[in-house]
Amino acid sequence: MVDLRDLKELQLDALREVANIGAGHAATALSQLTDRRIMISVPQIFVQRLEQVPDLLGDADEVVAAVLMHMLGDLTGRMLLVVPQANAMLLSDLLLRREPGGTTEFGDLEQSSLKEAGNILGGAYMNALSDFMGMMLLPSVPSLAVDLAGAVLSTTHLSFGRDKDVVFCVETNFHFEEADATLRGHFLLLPDLASLKTIFDAIRV
């Protein structure tokens, strides 16, 4: 079991830098896809037990879109991108080149666009971690769930891990300047136990 109290500020800084690089890659990829200029906030990173994650995400009764992927390669685990429903609809509008407010439900086309967004964002963060670790990491085919945040996380517990497992949670805001809209999202990475140990060994600077 990894004791989170052992994490020193210098080690958290290393993780923040990885998150910052990943968010930058994600913003560039989204900008190219949507043909819009995107500014990003400095990501906030939290390292918590899975049981504490619902408190980080906010209201359990808020409807969210969640894209789940597996991390494959030299490190293994799971990734979850959680976006509030209104933000998910906005993201769908931007990806499908619609005016903001055009998406009112998540049909096949909208779901496909959100999975692609999850794939891009997950890949961006994974590439940053891959470069930092000097290892090969790949995302699996994404799946999508739209439900209450509490329900998504409760259901995800069954396939995502155990309460005491460690989660890296990155909170980032992407601001689309021309649309004057901000996308808020949480990216969760839950490494398997062996991969978690490898990551912690790498940041023990």
C-alpha atoms as a PDB file:
ATOM      1  CA  MET A   1       0.000   0.000   0.000  1.00  0.00           C
ATOM      2  CA  VAL A   2       1.352   3.410  -0.967  1.00  0.00           C
ATOM      3  CA  ASP A   3       1.204   5.983   1.826  1.00  0.00           C
ATOM      4  CA  LEU A   4       0.137   9.294   0.282  1.00  0.00           C
ATOM      5  CA  ARG A   5       1.603  11.131   3.240  1.00  0.00           C
ATOM      6  CA  ASP A   6       5.037  10.212   1.847  1.00  0.00           C
ATOM      7  CA  LEU A   7       4.458  12.486  -1.145  1.00  0.00           C
ATOM      8  CA  LYS A   8       6.618  15.566  -0.791  1.00  0.00           C
ATOM      9  CA  GLU A   9       5.961  18.931  -2.419  1.00  0.00           C
ATOM     10  CA  LEU A  10       8.811  18.371  -4.893  1.00  0.00           C
ATOM     11  CA  GLN A  11       7.207  15.109  -6.016  1.00  0.00           C
ATOM     12  CA  LEU A  12       3.813  16.773  -6.383  1.00  0.00           C
ATOM     13  CA  ASP A  13       5.509  19.459  -8.469  1.00  0.00           C
ATOM     14  CA  ALA A  14       6.778  16.739 -10.816  1.00  0.00           C
ATOM     15  CA  LEU A  15       3.236  15.393 -11.193  1.00  0.00           C
ATOM     16  CA  ARG A  16       1.887  18.914 -11.754  1.00  0.00           C
ATOM     17  CA  GLU A  17       4.417  19.429 -14.527  1.00  0.00           C
ATOM     18  CA  VAL A  18       3.278  16.184 -16.206  1.00  0.00           C
ATOM     19  CA  ALA A  19      -0.350  17.347 -15.884  1.00  0.00           C
ATOM     20  CA  ASN A  20       0.555  20.783 -17.242  1.00  0.00           C
ATOM     21  CA  ILE A  21       2.251  19.287 -20.316  1.00  0.00           C
ATOM     22  CA  GLY A  22      -0.691  16.911 -20.843  1.00  0.00           C
ATOM     23  CA  ALA A  23      -3.202  19.763 -20.637  1.00  0.00           C
ATOM     24  CA  GLY A  24      -1.139  21.750 -23.147  1.00  0.00           C
ATOM     25  CA  HIS A  25      -1.135  18.820 -25.572  1.00  0.00           C
ATOM     26  CA  ALA A  26      -4.886  18.389 -25.061  1.00  0.00           C
ATOM     27  CA  ALA A  27      -5.571  22.077 -25.710  1.00  0.00           C
ATOM     28  CA  THR A  28      -3.527  21.983 -28.928  1.00  0.00           C
ATOM     29  CA  ALA A  29      -5.360  18.877 -30.160  1.00  0.00           C
ATOM     30  CA  LEU A  30      -8.802  20.315 -29.312  1.00  0.00           C
ATOM     31  CA  SER A  31      -7.876  23.613 -30.944  1.00  0.00           C
ATOM     32  CA  GLN A  32      -6.967  21.835 -34.165  1.00  0.00           C
ATOM     33  CA  LEU A  33     -10.154  19.755 -34.092  1.00  0.00           C
ATOM     34  CA  THR A  34     -12.493  22.654 -33.420  1.00  0.00           C
ATOM     35  CA  ASP A  35     -10.537  25.307 -35.339  1.00  0.00           C
ATOM     36  CA  ARG A  36     -10.804  27.598 -32.302  1.00  0.00           C
ATOM     37  CA  ARG A  37      -8.183  29.233 -30.085  1.00  0.00           C
ATOM     38  CA  ILE A  38      -8.105  27.614 -26.643  1.00  0.00           C
ATOM     39  CA  MET A  39      -6.589  28.880 -23.404  1.00  0.00           C
ATOM     40  CA  ILE A  40      -6.032  26.524 -20.476  1.00  0.00           C
ATOM     41  CA  SER A  41      -5.915  27.156 -16.752  1.00  0.00           C
ATOM     42  CA  VAL A  42      -3.027  25.775 -14.731  1.00  0.00           C
ATOM     43  CA  PRO A  43      -4.239  22.258 -13.910  1.00  0.00           C
ATOM     44  CA  GLN A  44      -4.926  21.316 -10.312  1.00  0.00           C
ATOM     45  CA  ILE A  45      -3.706  17.834  -9.435  1.00  0.00           C
ATOM     46  CA  PHE A  46      -4.881  15.732  -6.513  1.00  0.00           C
ATOM     47  CA  VAL A  47      -3.596  12.326  -5.424  1.00  0.00           C
ATOM     48  CA  GLN A  48      -6.343  10.664  -3.409  1.00  0.00           C
ATOM     49  CA  ARG A  49      -7.921   7.366  -2.504  1.00  0.00           C
ATOM     50  CA  LEU A  50     -10.736   6.322  -4.836  1.00  0.00           C
ATOM     51  CA  GLU A  51     -13.203   6.661  -1.960  1.00  0.00           C
ATOM     52  CA  GLN A  52     -12.401  10.397  -1.752  1.00  0.00           C
ATOM     53  CA  VAL A  53     -12.883  11.138  -5.468  1.00  0.00           C
ATOM     54  CA  PRO A  54     -16.645  11.941  -5.322  1.00  0.00           C
ATOM     55  CA  ASP A  55     -15.843  14.880  -3.021  1.00  0.00           C
ATOM     56  CA  LEU A  56     -13.390  16.261  -5.603  1.00  0.00           C
ATOM     57  CA  LEU A  57     -15.911  16.167  -8.439  1.00  0.00           C
ATOM     58  CA  GLY A  58     -18.662  18.091  -6.652  1.00  0.00           C
ATOM     59  CA  ASP A  59     -22.376  17.355  -6.555  1.00  0.00           C
ATOM     60  CA  ALA A  60     -23.214  13.630  -6.766  1.00  0.00           C
ATOM     61  CA  ASP A  61     -26.625  14.572  -8.270  1.00  0.00           C
ATOM     62  CA  GLU A  62     -25.074  16.456 -11.213  1.00  0.00           C
ATOM     63  CA  VAL A  63     -25.464  14.750 -14.596  1.00  0.00           C
ATOM     64  CA  VAL A  64     -22.079  14.103 -16.216  1.00  0.00           C
ATOM     65  CA  ALA A  65     -20.639  12.488 -19.301  1.00  0.00           C
ATOM     66  CA  ALA A  66     -17.864  10.044 -18.425  1.00  0.00           C
ATOM     67  CA  VAL A  67     -15.473   8.461 -20.914  1.00  0.00           C
ATOM     68  CA  LEU A  68     -13.731   5.329 -19.604  1.00  0.00           C
ATOM     69  CA  MET A  69     -10.531   3.945 -21.147  1.00  0.00           C
ATOM     70  CA  HIS A  70      -7.924   1.383 -20.191  1.00  0.00           C
ATOM     71  CA  MET A  71      -4.248   2.270 -20.089  1.00  0.00           C
ATOM     72  CA  LEU A  72      -2.197  -0.310 -21.974  1.00  0.00           C
ATOM     73  CA  GLY A  73       1.523  -0.784 -22.564  1.00  0.00           C
ATOM     74  CA  ASP A  74       4.381  -0.625 -20.060  1.00  0.00           C
ATOM     75  CA  LEU A  75       1.995   0.714 -17.392  1.00  0.00           C
ATOM     76  CA  THR A  76      -1.550  -0.552 -16.951  1.00  0.00           C
ATOM     77  CA  GLY A  77      -4.653   0.846 -15.300  1.00  0.00           C
ATOM     78  CA  ARG A  78      -7.799   2.807 -16.083  1.00  0.00           C
ATOM     79  CA  MET A  79      -8.605   6.377 -17.044  1.00  0.00           C
ATOM     80  CA  LEU A  80     -11.837   8.295 -16.661  1.00  0.00           C
ATOM     81  CA  LEU A  81     -12.674  11.700 -18.146  1.00  0.00           C
ATOM     82  CA  VAL A  82     -15.626  13.302 -16.330  1.00  0.00           C
ATOM     83  CA  VAL A  83     -17.346  16.378 -17.815  1.00  0.00           C
ATOM     84  CA  PRO A  84     -20.592  18.046 -16.590  1.00  0.00           C
ATOM     85  CA  GLN A  85     -23.517  17.471 -18.973  1.00  0.00           C
ATOM     86  CA  ALA A  86     -23.723  21.116 -20.100  1.00  0.00           C
ATOM     87  CA  ASN A  87     -19.996  21.139 -20.827  1.00  0.00           C
ATOM     88  CA  ALA A  88     -20.269  17.827 -22.684  1.00  0.00           C
ATOM     89  CA  MET A  89     -22.997  19.311 -24.906  1.00  0.00           C
ATOM     90  CA  LEU A  90     -20.840  22.371 -25.545  1.00  0.00           C
ATOM     91  CA  LEU A  91     -17.891  20.152 -26.432  1.00  0.00           C
ATOM     92  CA  SER A  92     -20.097  18.186 -28.810  1.00  0.00           C
ATOM     93  CA  ASP A  93     -21.231  21.457 -30.443  1.00  0.00           C
ATOM     94  CA  LEU A  94     -17.640  22.570 -30.951  1.00  0.00           C
ATOM     95  CA  LEU A  95     -16.451  19.220 -32.301  1.00  0.00           C
ATOM     96  CA  LEU A  96     -19.419  18.933 -34.672  1.00  0.00           C
ATOM     97  CA  ARG A  97     -19.028  22.583 -35.780  1.00  0.00           C
ATOM     98  CA  ARG A  98     -22.432  23.610 -34.420  1.00  0.00           C
ATOM     99  CA  GLU A  99     -23.451  26.849 -32.791  1.00  0.00           C
ATOM    100  CA  PRO A 100     -23.302  26.595 -28.970  1.00  0.00           C
ATOM    101  CA  GLY A 101     -26.652  25.235 -27.763  1.00  0.00           C
ATOM    102  CA  GLY A 102     -27.165  23.078 -30.847  1.00  0.00           C
ATOM    103  CA  THR A 103     -26.720  19.791 -28.989  1.00  0.00           C
ATOM    104  CA  THR A 104     -29.777  18.880 -26.916  1.00  0.00           C
ATOM    105  CA  GLU A 105     -29.296  15.120 -26.537  1.00  0.00           C
ATOM    106  CA  PHE A 106     -26.576  12.532 -26.864  1.00  0.00           C
ATOM    107  CA  GLY A 107     -27.377  10.589 -30.020  1.00  0.00           C
ATOM    108  CA  ASP A 108     -24.928   8.310 -31.806  1.00  0.00           C
ATOM    109  CA  LEU A 109     -23.103  11.206 -33.470  1.00  0.00           C
ATOM    110  CA  GLU A 110     -22.767  13.174 -30.226  1.00  0.00           C
ATOM    111  CA  GLN A 111     -21.629  10.093 -28.327  1.00  0.00           C
ATOM    112  CA  SER A 112     -19.038   9.363 -30.981  1.00  0.00           C
ATOM    113  CA  SER A 113     -17.686  12.928 -30.751  1.00  0.00           C
ATOM    114  CA  LEU A 114     -17.406  12.705 -26.955  1.00  0.00           C
ATOM    115  CA  LYS A 115     -15.592   9.365 -27.146  1.00  0.00           C
ATOM    116  CA  GLU A 116     -13.179  10.922 -29.616  1.00  0.00           C
ATOM    117  CA  ALA A 117     -12.663  13.877 -27.261  1.00  0.00           C
ATOM    118  CA  GLY A 118     -11.998  11.457 -24.400  1.00  0.00           C
ATOM    119  CA  ASN A 119      -9.562   9.580 -26.590  1.00  0.00           C
ATOM    120  CA  ILE A 120      -7.722  12.815 -27.478  1.00  0.00           C
ATOM    121  CA  LEU A 121      -7.611  14.133 -23.914  1.00  0.00           C
ATOM    122  CA  GLY A 122      -6.667  10.759 -22.470  1.00  0.00           C
ATOM    123  CA  GLY A 123      -3.996  10.322 -25.125  1.00  0.00           C
ATOM    124  CA  ALA A 124      -2.565  13.791 -24.425  1.00  0.00           C
ATOM    125  CA  TYR A 125      -2.185  13.146 -20.704  1.00  0.00           C
ATOM    126  CA  MET A 126      -0.882   9.646 -21.376  1.00  0.00           C
ATOM    127  CA  ASN A 127       1.736  10.941 -23.819  1.00  0.00           C
ATOM    128  CA  ALA A 128       2.954  13.394 -21.180  1.00  0.00           C
ATOM    129  CA  LEU A 129       3.216  10.580 -18.625  1.00  0.00           C
ATOM    130  CA  SER A 130       4.841   8.342 -21.237  1.00  0.00           C
ATOM    131  CA  ASP A 131       7.555  10.935 -21.949  1.00  0.00           C
ATOM    132  CA  PHE A 132       8.110  11.512 -18.232  1.00  0.00           C
ATOM    133  CA  MET A 133       8.403   7.776 -17.498  1.00  0.00           C
ATOM    134  CA  GLY A 134      10.254   6.865 -20.686  1.00  0.00           C
ATOM    135  CA  MET A 135       7.702   4.115 -21.335  1.00  0.00           C
ATOM    136  CA  MET A 136       5.157   3.197 -23.991  1.00  0.00           C
ATOM    137  CA  LEU A 137       1.539   3.897 -22.995  1.00  0.00           C
ATOM    138  CA  LEU A 138      -1.571   3.510 -25.155  1.00  0.00           C
ATOM    139  CA  PRO A 139      -5.291   4.160 -24.541  1.00  0.00           C
ATOM    140  CA  SER A 140      -7.910   1.490 -25.256  1.00  0.00           C
ATOM    141  CA  VAL A 141     -11.106   2.044 -27.245  1.00  0.00           C
ATOM    142  CA  PRO A 142     -13.231   4.420 -25.095  1.00  0.00           C
ATOM    143  CA  SER A 143     -16.701   3.764 -23.698  1.00  0.00           C
ATOM    144  CA  LEU A 144     -19.195   6.458 -22.641  1.00  0.00           C
ATOM    145  CA  ALA A 145     -21.703   6.769 -19.811  1.00  0.00           C
ATOM    146  CA  VAL A 146     -24.098   9.695 -19.214  1.00  0.00           C
ATOM    147  CA  ASP A 147     -25.595   9.603 -15.728  1.00  0.00           C
ATOM    148  CA  LEU A 148     -25.543  11.225 -12.294  1.00  0.00           C
ATOM    149  CA  ALA A 149     -21.967  11.726 -11.086  1.00  0.00           C
ATOM    150  CA  GLY A 150     -22.604   9.588  -8.030  1.00  0.00           C
ATOM    151  CA  ALA A 151     -24.057   6.759 -10.127  1.00  0.00           C
ATOM    152  CA  VAL A 152     -21.212   6.908 -12.653  1.00  0.00           C
ATOM    153  CA  LEU A 153     -18.601   6.692  -9.923  1.00  0.00           C
ATOM    154  CA  SER A 154     -20.482   3.975  -8.010  1.00  0.00           C
ATOM    155  CA  THR A 155     -20.811   1.865 -11.144  1.00  0.00           C
ATOM    156  CA  THR A 156     -17.231   2.605 -12.070  1.00  0.00           C
ATOM    157  CA  HIS A 157     -16.072   1.357  -8.674  1.00  0.00           C
ATOM    158  CA  LEU A 158     -16.918  -2.158  -9.867  1.00  0.00           C
ATOM    159  CA  SER A 159     -14.542  -1.954 -12.823  1.00  0.00           C
ATOM    160  CA  PHE A 160     -12.355   0.960 -11.773  1.00  0.00           C
ATOM    161  CA  GLY A 161     -10.842  -0.383  -8.591  1.00  0.00           C
ATOM    162  CA  ARG A 162     -11.205  -0.592  -4.817  1.00  0.00           C
ATOM    163  CA  ASP A 163     -11.936   2.278  -2.441  1.00  0.00           C
ATOM    164  CA  LYS A 164      -8.396   2.269  -1.066  1.00  0.00           C
ATOM    165  CA  ASP A 165      -6.791   2.384  -4.528  1.00  0.00           C
ATOM    166  CA  VAL A 166      -4.913   5.564  -5.441  1.00  0.00           C
ATOM    167  CA  VAL A 167      -6.259   7.967  -8.077  1.00  0.00           C
ATOM    168  CA  PHE A 168      -4.442  10.827  -9.804  1.00  0.00           C
ATOM    169  CA  CYS A 169      -7.086  13.484 -10.466  1.00  0.00           C
ATOM    170  CA  VAL A 170      -6.349  16.411 -12.814  1.00  0.00           C
ATOM    171  CA  GLU A 171      -8.855  19.290 -12.873  1.00  0.00           C
ATOM    172  CA  THR A 172      -8.503  21.603 -15.886  1.00  0.00           C
ATOM    173  CA  ASN A 173     -10.497  24.416 -17.521  1.00  0.00           C
ATOM    174  CA  PHE A 174     -10.293  24.867 -21.301  1.00  0.00           C
ATOM    175  CA  HIS A 175     -11.512  28.282 -22.478  1.00  0.00           C
ATOM    176  CA  PHE A 176     -12.676  28.573 -26.104  1.00  0.00           C
ATOM    177  CA  GLU A 177     -12.106  32.263 -26.806  1.00  0.00           C
ATOM    178  CA  GLU A 178     -14.264  32.796 -29.926  1.00  0.00           C
ATOM    179  CA  ALA A 179     -17.200  30.959 -28.378  1.00  0.00           C
ATOM    180  CA  ASP A 180     -16.587  32.672 -25.013  1.00  0.00           C
ATOM    181  CA  ALA A 181     -17.153  29.307 -23.360  1.00  0.00           C
ATOM    182  CA  THR A 182     -15.231  27.351 -20.737  1.00  0.00           C
ATOM    183  CA  LEU A 183     -15.047  23.573 -20.562  1.00  0.00           C
ATOM    184  CA  ARG A 184     -14.433  22.130 -17.096  1.00  0.00           C
ATOM    185  CA  GLY A 185     -13.287  18.568 -16.782  1.00  0.00           C
ATOM    186  CA  HIS A 186     -11.660  16.058 -14.471  1.00  0.00           C
ATOM    187  CA  PHE A 187      -9.216  13.471 -15.753  1.00  0.00           C
ATOM    188  CA  LEU A 188      -8.768  10.489 -13.423  1.00  0.00           C
ATOM    189  CA  LEU A 189      -5.936   7.984 -13.703  1.00  0.00           C
ATOM    190  CA  LEU A 190      -6.038   4.839 -11.598  1.00  0.00           C
ATOM    191  CA  PRO A 191      -2.883   2.765 -12.143  1.00  0.00           C
ATOM    192  CA  ASP A 192      -2.761  -0.916 -11.248  1.00  0.00           C
ATOM    193  CA  LEU A 193      -0.741  -1.620  -8.108  1.00  0.00           C
ATOM    194  CA  ALA A 194       2.522  -2.508  -9.912  1.00  0.00           C
ATOM    195  CA  SER A 195       2.200   0.545 -12.197  1.00  0.00           C
ATOM    196  CA  LEU A 196       1.444   2.794  -9.219  1.00  0.00           C
ATOM    197  CA  LYS A 197       4.674   1.657  -7.571  1.00  0.00           C
ATOM    198  CA  THR A 198       6.579   2.375 -10.795  1.00  0.00           C
ATOM    199  CA  ILE A 199       5.143   5.903 -10.977  1.00  0.00           C
ATOM    200  CA  PHE A 200       5.933   6.630  -7.333  1.00  0.00           C
ATOM    201  CA  ASP A 201       9.469   5.282  -7.774  1.00  0.00           C
ATOM    202  CA  ALA A 202       9.917   7.608 -10.778  1.00  0.00           C
ATOM    203  CA  ILE A 203       8.861  10.742  -8.872  1.00  0.00           C
ATOM    204  CA  ARG A 204      10.940  10.062  -5.775  1.00  0.00           C
ATOM    205  CA  VAL A 205      13.309  12.878  -6.615  1.00  0.00           C
END
